[in-house]
Structures are given as structure tokens and as C-alpha cells.
């Protein structure tokens, strides 16, 4: 419930900024990944092979950083690796959204 409230506050901040300045703050995940979603969607349409390579690279990055976090020899860089893992997980969510839209037959 607390996480929902935090996300709601971020949404209100984004909307307030957009209403006042015409620009988003880019703090909310939906806004942060909007441009990336558009770019990846265009890449999928123009060059599906490159899109799949990007998807595979992102999946490998998620696996790599998960391994780095578990590795006791890399304990000093754990915080940095957690941030990078979160970044790549967000990108994987964008990929999954694009691929999910393609296979959605509920309409």
C-alpha cells in the first residue's frame, strides 16, 4: 500500500510539472521508458533481427548483473550493480510490453 502511494505521488508530481512547464520530470517509470518504447517499437518494425539482438543483449545483462550481485567477490560494487540490474529489468519490461502487444489476440 505504501508503494502504491509513492507511485501515486510521483504521478502527481509528473502531471504538475507537465501542466506548469509542458515537460515531464521523467521520474515515473512509464514516462522514463516512453521514448525507449517508441525507439524499440520502430526498431522492431524496421529491423526485426536487430530488435531481437537487443532483446537478447538485455536479457544477458539482467542475468549478468544478477550474478554480479550474488558474487561475494563483487560485494564492493553491489549498490552499483543493483542500480544497473534495475535499469535493465526496466528495459526488459519494455521489450515484454512490445512483444506482448504483438501477440495479444484479445481484441
C-alpha atoms as a PDB file:
ATOM      1  CA  UNK A   1       0.000   0.000   0.000  1.00  0.00           C
ATOM      2  CA  UNK A   2       2.892   2.310   0.751  1.00  0.00           C
ATOM      3  CA  UNK A   3       4.439   1.597  -2.654  1.00  0.00           C
ATOM      4  CA  UNK A   4       1.171   2.491  -4.363  1.00  0.00           C
ATOM      5  CA  UNK A   5       1.107   5.800  -2.503  1.00  0.00           C
ATOM      6  CA  UNK A   6       4.696   6.548  -3.513  1.00  0.00           C
ATOM      7  CA  UNK A   7       3.912   5.828  -7.180  1.00  0.00           C
ATOM      8  CA  UNK A   8       0.789   7.976  -6.923  1.00  0.00           C
ATOM      9  CA  UNK A   9       2.810  10.897  -5.542  1.00  0.00           C
ATOM     10  CA  UNK A  10       5.316  10.552  -8.378  1.00  0.00           C
ATOM     11  CA  UNK A  11       2.474  10.588 -10.908  1.00  0.00           C
ATOM     12  CA  UNK A  12       1.052  13.773  -9.398  1.00  0.00           C
ATOM     13  CA  UNK A  13       4.495  15.405  -9.495  1.00  0.00           C
ATOM     14  CA  UNK A  14       4.854  14.440 -13.169  1.00  0.00           C
ATOM     15  CA  UNK A  15       1.437  15.845 -14.052  1.00  0.00           C
ATOM     16  CA  UNK A  16       2.015  19.033 -12.080  1.00  0.00           C
ATOM     17  CA  UNK A  17       5.327  19.592 -13.857  1.00  0.00           C
ATOM     18  CA  UNK A  18       3.750  18.918 -17.236  1.00  0.00           C
ATOM     19  CA  UNK A  19       0.880  21.320 -16.528  1.00  0.00           C
ATOM     20  CA  UNK A  20       3.200  24.091 -15.355  1.00  0.00           C
ATOM     21  CA  UNK A  21       6.131  23.727 -17.755  1.00  0.00           C
ATOM     22  CA  UNK A  22       4.971  21.410 -20.530  1.00  0.00           C
ATOM     23  CA  UNK A  23       7.755  18.950 -19.667  1.00  0.00           C
ATOM     24  CA  UNK A  24       7.832  15.758 -17.637  1.00  0.00           C
ATOM     25  CA  UNK A  25      10.267  15.241 -14.763  1.00  0.00           C
ATOM     26  CA  UNK A  26      10.972  11.691 -16.003  1.00  0.00           C
ATOM     27  CA  UNK A  27      10.833  10.161 -12.524  1.00  0.00           C
ATOM     28  CA  UNK A  28       7.936   7.751 -13.092  1.00  0.00           C
ATOM     29  CA  UNK A  29       8.803   4.512 -14.918  1.00  0.00           C
ATOM     30  CA  UNK A  30       6.057   4.990 -17.500  1.00  0.00           C
ATOM     31  CA  UNK A  31       7.466   8.349 -18.539  1.00  0.00           C
ATOM     32  CA  UNK A  32      11.098   7.259 -18.379  1.00  0.00           C
ATOM     33  CA  UNK A  33      10.526   4.337 -20.724  1.00  0.00           C
ATOM     34  CA  UNK A  34       8.163   6.118 -23.131  1.00  0.00           C
ATOM     35  CA  UNK A  35      10.904   7.249 -25.522  1.00  0.00           C
ATOM     36  CA  UNK A  36      12.668   3.926 -25.256  1.00  0.00           C
ATOM     37  CA  UNK A  37       9.402   2.126 -26.048  1.00  0.00           C
ATOM     38  CA  UNK A  38       8.926   4.264 -29.144  1.00  0.00           C
ATOM     39  CA  UNK A  39      12.506   3.655 -30.327  1.00  0.00           C
ATOM     40  CA  UNK A  40      12.300  -0.090 -29.778  1.00  0.00           C
ATOM     41  CA  UNK A  41       8.915  -0.255 -31.490  1.00  0.00           C
ATOM     42  CA  UNK A  42      10.385   1.490 -34.541  1.00  0.00           C
ATOM     43  CA  UNK A  43      13.383  -0.843 -34.469  1.00  0.00           C
ATOM     44  CA  UNK A  44      11.086  -3.884 -34.344  1.00  0.00           C
ATOM     45  CA  UNK A  45       9.154  -2.622 -37.346  1.00  0.00           C
ATOM     46  CA  UNK A  46      12.179  -1.614 -39.408  1.00  0.00           C
ATOM     47  CA  UNK A  47      14.711  -4.300 -38.450  1.00  0.00           C
ATOM     48  CA  UNK A  48      13.308  -7.291 -36.524  1.00  0.00           C
ATOM     49  CA  UNK A  49      16.705  -9.047 -36.386  1.00  0.00           C
ATOM     50  CA  UNK A  50      18.332  -6.056 -34.672  1.00  0.00           C
ATOM     51  CA  UNK A  51      15.375  -5.852 -32.283  1.00  0.00           C
ATOM     52  CA  UNK A  52      15.859  -9.494 -31.293  1.00  0.00           C
ATOM     53  CA  UNK A  53      19.609  -8.928 -30.811  1.00  0.00           C
ATOM     54  CA  UNK A  54      18.842  -6.010 -28.496  1.00  0.00           C
ATOM     55  CA  UNK A  55      16.365  -8.178 -26.602  1.00  0.00           C
ATOM     56  CA  UNK A  56      18.945 -10.953 -26.209  1.00  0.00           C
ATOM     57  CA  UNK A  57      21.597  -8.472 -25.040  1.00  0.00           C
ATOM     58  CA  UNK A  58      19.233  -7.004 -22.473  1.00  0.00           C
ATOM     59  CA  UNK A  59      18.324 -10.470 -21.186  1.00  0.00           C
ATOM     60  CA  UNK A  60      22.037 -11.323 -20.883  1.00  0.00           C
ATOM     61  CA  UNK A  61      22.655  -8.076 -18.985  1.00  0.00           C
ATOM     62  CA  UNK A  62      19.929  -8.934 -16.479  1.00  0.00           C
ATOM     63  CA  UNK A  63      21.455 -12.364 -15.932  1.00  0.00           C
ATOM     64  CA  UNK A  64      24.963 -10.886 -15.682  1.00  0.00           C
ATOM     65  CA  UNK A  65      24.073  -8.316 -13.043  1.00  0.00           C
ATOM     66  CA  UNK A  66      22.100 -10.859 -11.050  1.00  0.00           C
ATOM     67  CA  UNK A  67      25.276 -12.953 -10.976  1.00  0.00           C
ATOM     68  CA  UNK A  68      27.390  -9.941 -10.013  1.00  0.00           C
ATOM     69  CA  UNK A  69      25.099  -9.203  -7.057  1.00  0.00           C
ATOM     70  CA  UNK A  70      25.358 -12.786  -5.795  1.00  0.00           C
ATOM     71  CA  UNK A  71      29.154 -12.889  -6.197  1.00  0.00           C
ATOM     72  CA  UNK A  72      30.861 -12.218  -2.838  1.00  0.00           C
ATOM     73  CA  UNK A  73      33.995 -11.002  -4.646  1.00  0.00           C
ATOM     74  CA  UNK A  74      31.989  -8.102  -6.070  1.00  0.00           C
ATOM     75  CA  UNK A  75      30.457  -7.011  -2.770  1.00  0.00           C
ATOM     76  CA  UNK A  76      32.074  -3.583  -3.023  1.00  0.00           C
ATOM     77  CA  UNK A  77      30.126  -2.808  -6.226  1.00  0.00           C
ATOM     78  CA  UNK A  78      26.829  -4.290  -5.049  1.00  0.00           C
ATOM     79  CA  UNK A  79      24.933  -0.986  -4.950  1.00  0.00           C
ATOM     80  CA  UNK A  80      26.079  -0.007  -8.441  1.00  0.00           C
ATOM     81  CA  UNK A  81      25.187  -3.448  -9.788  1.00  0.00           C
ATOM     82  CA  UNK A  82      21.731  -3.288  -8.204  1.00  0.00           C
ATOM     83  CA  UNK A  83      21.060   0.022  -9.957  1.00  0.00           C
ATOM     84  CA  UNK A  84      22.220  -1.382 -13.279  1.00  0.00           C
ATOM     85  CA  UNK A  85      20.122  -4.504 -12.755  1.00  0.00           C
ATOM     86  CA  UNK A  86      17.057  -2.356 -12.107  1.00  0.00           C
ATOM     87  CA  UNK A  87      17.791  -0.348 -15.264  1.00  0.00           C
ATOM     88  CA  UNK A  88      17.999  -3.474 -17.408  1.00  0.00           C
ATOM     89  CA  UNK A  89      14.919  -5.001 -15.783  1.00  0.00           C
ATOM     90  CA  UNK A  90      13.004  -1.861 -16.709  1.00  0.00           C
ATOM     91  CA  UNK A  91      14.213  -2.225 -20.277  1.00  0.00           C
ATOM     92  CA  UNK A  92      13.157  -5.893 -20.271  1.00  0.00           C
ATOM     93  CA  UNK A  93       9.681  -4.756 -19.198  1.00  0.00           C
ATOM     94  CA  UNK A  94       9.574  -2.509 -22.269  1.00  0.00           C
ATOM     95  CA  UNK A  95      10.609  -5.406 -24.500  1.00  0.00           C
ATOM     96  CA  UNK A  96       7.975  -7.660 -22.933  1.00  0.00           C
ATOM     97  CA  UNK A  97       5.309  -4.990 -23.421  1.00  0.00           C
ATOM     98  CA  UNK A  98       6.181  -4.657 -27.115  1.00  0.00           C
ATOM     99  CA  UNK A  99       6.246  -8.418 -27.635  1.00  0.00           C
ATOM    100  CA  UNK A 100       3.041  -8.826 -25.623  1.00  0.00           C
ATOM    101  CA  UNK A 101       1.226  -6.257 -27.742  1.00  0.00           C
ATOM    102  CA  UNK A 102       2.250  -8.162 -30.852  1.00  0.00           C
ATOM    103  CA  UNK A 103       0.801 -11.453 -29.625  1.00  0.00           C
ATOM    104  CA  UNK A 104      -2.321 -10.036 -27.953  1.00  0.00           C
ATOM    105  CA  UNK A 105      -5.367 -11.542 -29.630  1.00  0.00           C
ATOM    106  CA  UNK A 106      -7.945 -10.485 -27.062  1.00  0.00           C
ATOM    107  CA  UNK A 107      -9.417  -7.822 -29.354  1.00  0.00           C
END
